[in-house]
Amino acid sequence: MVFIRDTELVLRAAVELVNSLPQTGTSGADTLLDVAALDAFTSRHGYTGSHRRDARELAEVRGIRTRLLGLWGVDRDGAVPLVNDMLADGRALPQLVRHDDMDWHIHASDPEEPLAMRILVETAMAFVDVIRADEYGRVRVCAADDCAGVYVDFSKNGSKRYCDAGNCGNRMNVNAYRKRKARAV
């Protein structure tokens, strides 16, 4: 395991949220369009605390996506001020909590804070772990020539090259196979 469980869960949620932007992934479409999609996202990723389920909350969450995307456009040292700004904006106050089926883990914002701010702060806390572990090289953009999806490489050897958003690995492998076959003819 590269990261502890709660860090990995938050990183996976951040990847999905960033990849809902139209400029990432292969579809070119925004995939966080309505409150139902936001509800599904928060349910899938176990976000607790207040959840208004309204258009304003959707707009706030949609609004943090480009800020999170910025974490994939910098190196480890460049991420530090971004993460620190996110923590400061959220008035982060890390505390150990246990709920549902999760053992002790850290929440850094009040459960009554707006959902977008809690997502921003929890993501920043996860990136603190990535930075401290000196594993920022695992924060990547897809290597497929037609995809700008983001991912965090959780593989043991750190060799993953493609995101999971658009079946990029399979598509690129098929393209490479076809090129080899064409050259052989």
Protein backbone atom coordinates (compact mmCIF):
# COMPACT_ATOMS: atom_id res chain seq x y z
CA MET A 1 0.00 0.00 0.00
CA VAL A 2 1.44 3.37 -1.05
CA PHE A 3 -0.91 5.55 1.03
CA ILE A 4 -3.11 4.88 4.04
CA ARG A 5 -6.71 3.96 3.25
CA ASP A 6 -8.40 7.29 3.93
CA THR A 7 -5.79 9.18 1.90
CA GLU A 8 -6.25 6.83 -1.04
CA LEU A 9 -10.05 7.16 -0.84
CA VAL A 10 -9.87 10.96 -0.91
CA LEU A 11 -7.34 10.94 -3.76
CA ARG A 12 -9.63 8.67 -5.79
CA ALA A 13 -12.54 11.04 -5.15
CA ALA A 14 -10.43 14.02 -6.21
CA VAL A 15 -9.45 12.24 -9.43
CA GLU A 16 -13.09 11.54 -10.25
CA LEU A 17 -14.10 15.11 -9.47
CA VAL A 18 -11.32 16.62 -11.60
CA ASN A 19 -12.05 14.19 -14.43
CA SER A 20 -15.65 15.43 -14.47
CA LEU A 21 -14.34 18.63 -16.09
CA PRO A 22 -14.89 18.90 -19.86
CA GLN A 23 -11.17 19.51 -20.57
CA THR A 24 -10.11 16.23 -18.94
CA GLY A 25 -10.81 12.73 -20.16
CA THR A 26 -11.75 11.68 -23.65
CA SER A 27 -15.41 12.72 -23.82
CA GLY A 28 -14.87 16.48 -23.70
CA ALA A 29 -18.11 16.76 -21.73
CA ASP A 30 -18.83 17.92 -18.22
CA THR A 31 -20.10 14.94 -16.23
CA LEU A 32 -21.13 16.81 -13.07
CA LEU A 33 -24.24 18.46 -14.43
CA ASP A 34 -26.92 18.12 -11.79
CA VAL A 35 -27.62 17.54 -8.13
CA ALA A 36 -28.30 13.85 -8.79
CA ALA A 37 -24.76 13.43 -10.18
CA LEU A 38 -23.36 15.22 -7.12
CA ASP A 39 -25.43 12.98 -4.82
CA ALA A 40 -24.07 9.91 -6.59
CA PHE A 41 -20.50 11.23 -6.27
CA THR A 42 -20.82 11.97 -2.54
CA SER A 43 -22.46 8.61 -1.93
CA ARG A 44 -19.79 6.71 -3.89
CA HIS A 45 -17.01 8.42 -1.96
CA GLY A 46 -18.62 8.42 1.49
CA TYR A 47 -18.67 12.16 2.14
CA THR A 48 -20.36 12.79 5.47
CA GLY A 49 -21.60 16.00 7.06
CA SER A 50 -24.04 18.56 5.76
CA HIS A 51 -25.22 18.15 2.21
CA ARG A 52 -27.81 20.69 0.99
CA ARG A 53 -28.56 18.93 -2.29
CA ASP A 54 -29.34 22.13 -4.16
CA ALA A 55 -28.15 24.09 -7.19
CA ARG A 56 -25.94 26.37 -5.10
CA GLU A 57 -24.06 23.43 -3.58
CA LEU A 58 -23.63 21.91 -7.04
CA ALA A 59 -22.22 25.21 -8.33
CA GLU A 60 -19.80 25.42 -5.38
CA VAL A 61 -18.49 21.89 -5.94
CA ARG A 62 -18.22 22.47 -9.67
CA GLY A 63 -16.31 25.63 -8.84
CA ILE A 64 -13.48 23.89 -6.96
CA ARG A 65 -12.66 21.45 -9.74
CA THR A 66 -10.25 23.71 -11.62
CA ARG A 67 -8.52 24.55 -8.36
CA LEU A 68 -8.01 20.84 -7.71
CA LEU A 69 -6.87 20.32 -11.31
CA GLY A 70 -4.05 22.74 -10.56
CA LEU A 71 -2.50 20.10 -8.33
CA TRP A 72 -1.82 17.99 -11.43
CA GLY A 73 -0.07 20.85 -13.21
CA VAL A 74 2.76 21.36 -10.73
CA ASP A 75 5.60 19.43 -9.16
CA ARG A 76 5.93 18.59 -5.48
CA ASP A 77 7.34 21.97 -4.48
CA GLY A 78 4.77 23.79 -6.60
CA ALA A 79 1.96 21.90 -4.89
CA VAL A 80 2.90 23.12 -1.42
CA PRO A 81 1.55 26.69 -1.74
CA LEU A 82 -1.60 25.40 -3.46
CA VAL A 83 -2.24 22.92 -0.66
CA ASN A 84 -1.44 25.47 2.03
CA ASP A 85 -3.87 27.96 0.46
CA MET A 86 -6.61 25.32 0.39
CA LEU A 87 -6.02 24.46 4.04
CA ALA A 88 -6.01 28.14 5.03
CA ASP A 89 -9.18 28.90 3.03
CA GLY A 90 -10.92 26.03 4.78
CA ARG A 91 -9.58 27.00 8.22
CA ALA A 92 -8.42 23.41 8.54
CA LEU A 93 -8.38 21.98 12.03
CA PRO A 94 -7.32 18.32 11.73
CA GLN A 95 -8.98 15.98 14.19
CA LEU A 96 -9.20 12.21 14.50
CA VAL A 97 -12.69 10.81 13.96
CA ARG A 98 -14.29 7.40 13.61
CA HIS A 99 -17.64 6.82 11.92
CA ASP A 100 -19.56 4.31 9.85
CA ASP A 101 -17.15 1.50 8.86
CA MET A 102 -14.07 3.75 8.95
CA ASP A 103 -11.59 3.37 11.79
CA TRP A 104 -9.71 6.39 13.13
CA HIS A 105 -8.91 8.86 10.38
CA ILE A 106 -8.52 12.61 10.00
CA HIS A 107 -11.20 15.13 9.18
CA ALA A 108 -9.89 18.65 8.91
CA SER A 109 -13.08 20.65 8.59
CA ASP A 110 -16.31 21.01 10.51
CA PRO A 111 -19.04 18.66 9.22
CA GLU A 112 -21.34 21.67 8.92
CA GLU A 113 -19.00 23.53 6.53
CA PRO A 114 -20.21 23.67 2.92
CA LEU A 115 -19.56 20.44 1.01
CA ALA A 116 -17.24 22.12 -1.51
CA MET A 117 -15.02 23.46 1.28
CA ARG A 118 -14.91 20.06 3.00
CA ILE A 119 -13.94 18.38 -0.27
CA LEU A 120 -11.26 21.01 -0.88
CA VAL A 121 -9.79 20.63 2.62
CA GLU A 122 -9.93 16.82 2.64
CA THR A 123 -8.22 16.75 -0.76
CA ALA A 124 -5.55 19.15 0.50
CA MET A 125 -4.98 16.89 3.52
CA ALA A 126 -4.56 13.89 1.22
CA PHE A 127 -2.04 15.83 -0.84
CA VAL A 128 -0.17 16.66 2.37
CA ASP A 129 0.39 12.91 2.72
CA VAL A 130 1.50 12.62 -0.91
CA ILE A 131 3.98 15.48 -0.47
CA ARG A 132 5.29 14.23 2.88
CA ALA A 133 5.78 10.71 1.50
CA ASP A 134 7.75 12.18 -1.43
CA GLU A 135 5.40 10.38 -3.84
CA TYR A 136 4.29 13.37 -5.91
CA GLY A 137 5.58 11.61 -9.01
CA ARG A 138 2.47 9.43 -8.75
CA VAL A 139 0.23 12.45 -9.42
CA ARG A 140 -0.07 12.27 -13.20
CA VAL A 141 -1.89 13.24 -16.36
CA CYS A 142 -2.83 10.43 -18.74
CA ALA A 143 -0.15 9.58 -21.33
CA ALA A 144 -2.73 8.83 -24.05
CA ASP A 145 -2.36 11.26 -26.93
CA ASP A 146 -6.08 12.05 -26.97
CA CYS A 147 -6.73 12.32 -23.21
CA ALA A 148 -6.04 14.89 -20.50
CA GLY A 149 -7.52 12.82 -17.68
CA VAL A 150 -5.76 12.84 -14.33
CA TYR A 151 -4.94 9.99 -11.99
CA VAL A 152 -2.85 8.99 -9.03
CA ASP A 153 -0.74 5.91 -9.61
CA PHE A 154 -1.48 3.47 -6.78
CA SER A 155 0.45 0.60 -8.35
CA LYS A 156 3.25 -0.99 -6.34
CA ASN A 157 5.98 -0.14 -8.83
CA GLY A 158 4.62 3.25 -9.91
CA SER A 159 4.50 2.30 -13.59
CA LYS A 160 0.92 3.20 -14.51
CA ARG A 161 0.76 5.51 -17.55
CA TYR A 162 -2.92 5.88 -18.36
CA CYS A 163 -6.02 7.07 -16.53
CA ASP A 164 -9.08 4.91 -15.97
CA ALA A 165 -11.55 7.45 -17.33
CA GLY A 166 -11.64 6.42 -20.98
CA ASN A 167 -10.13 2.95 -21.24
CA CYS A 168 -7.00 4.74 -22.42
CA GLY A 169 -4.51 1.94 -21.73
CA ASN A 170 -6.40 -0.56 -23.86
CA ARG A 171 -7.00 1.97 -26.62
CA MET A 172 -3.33 2.98 -26.80
CA ASN A 173 -2.18 -0.65 -26.72
CA VAL A 174 -4.51 -1.49 -29.62
CA ASN A 175 -3.20 1.53 -31.57
CA ALA A 176 0.41 0.44 -30.97
CA TYR A 177 -0.42 -3.13 -32.04
CA ARG A 178 -2.04 -1.91 -35.24
CA LYS A 179 0.98 0.28 -36.04
CA ARG A 180 3.34 -2.67 -35.51
CA LYS A 181 1.19 -4.89 -37.72
CA ALA A 182 1.09 -2.25 -40.44
CA ARG A 183 4.88 -1.86 -40.40
CA ALA A 184 5.32 -5.65 -40.60
CA VAL A 185 3.28 -5.90 -43.80
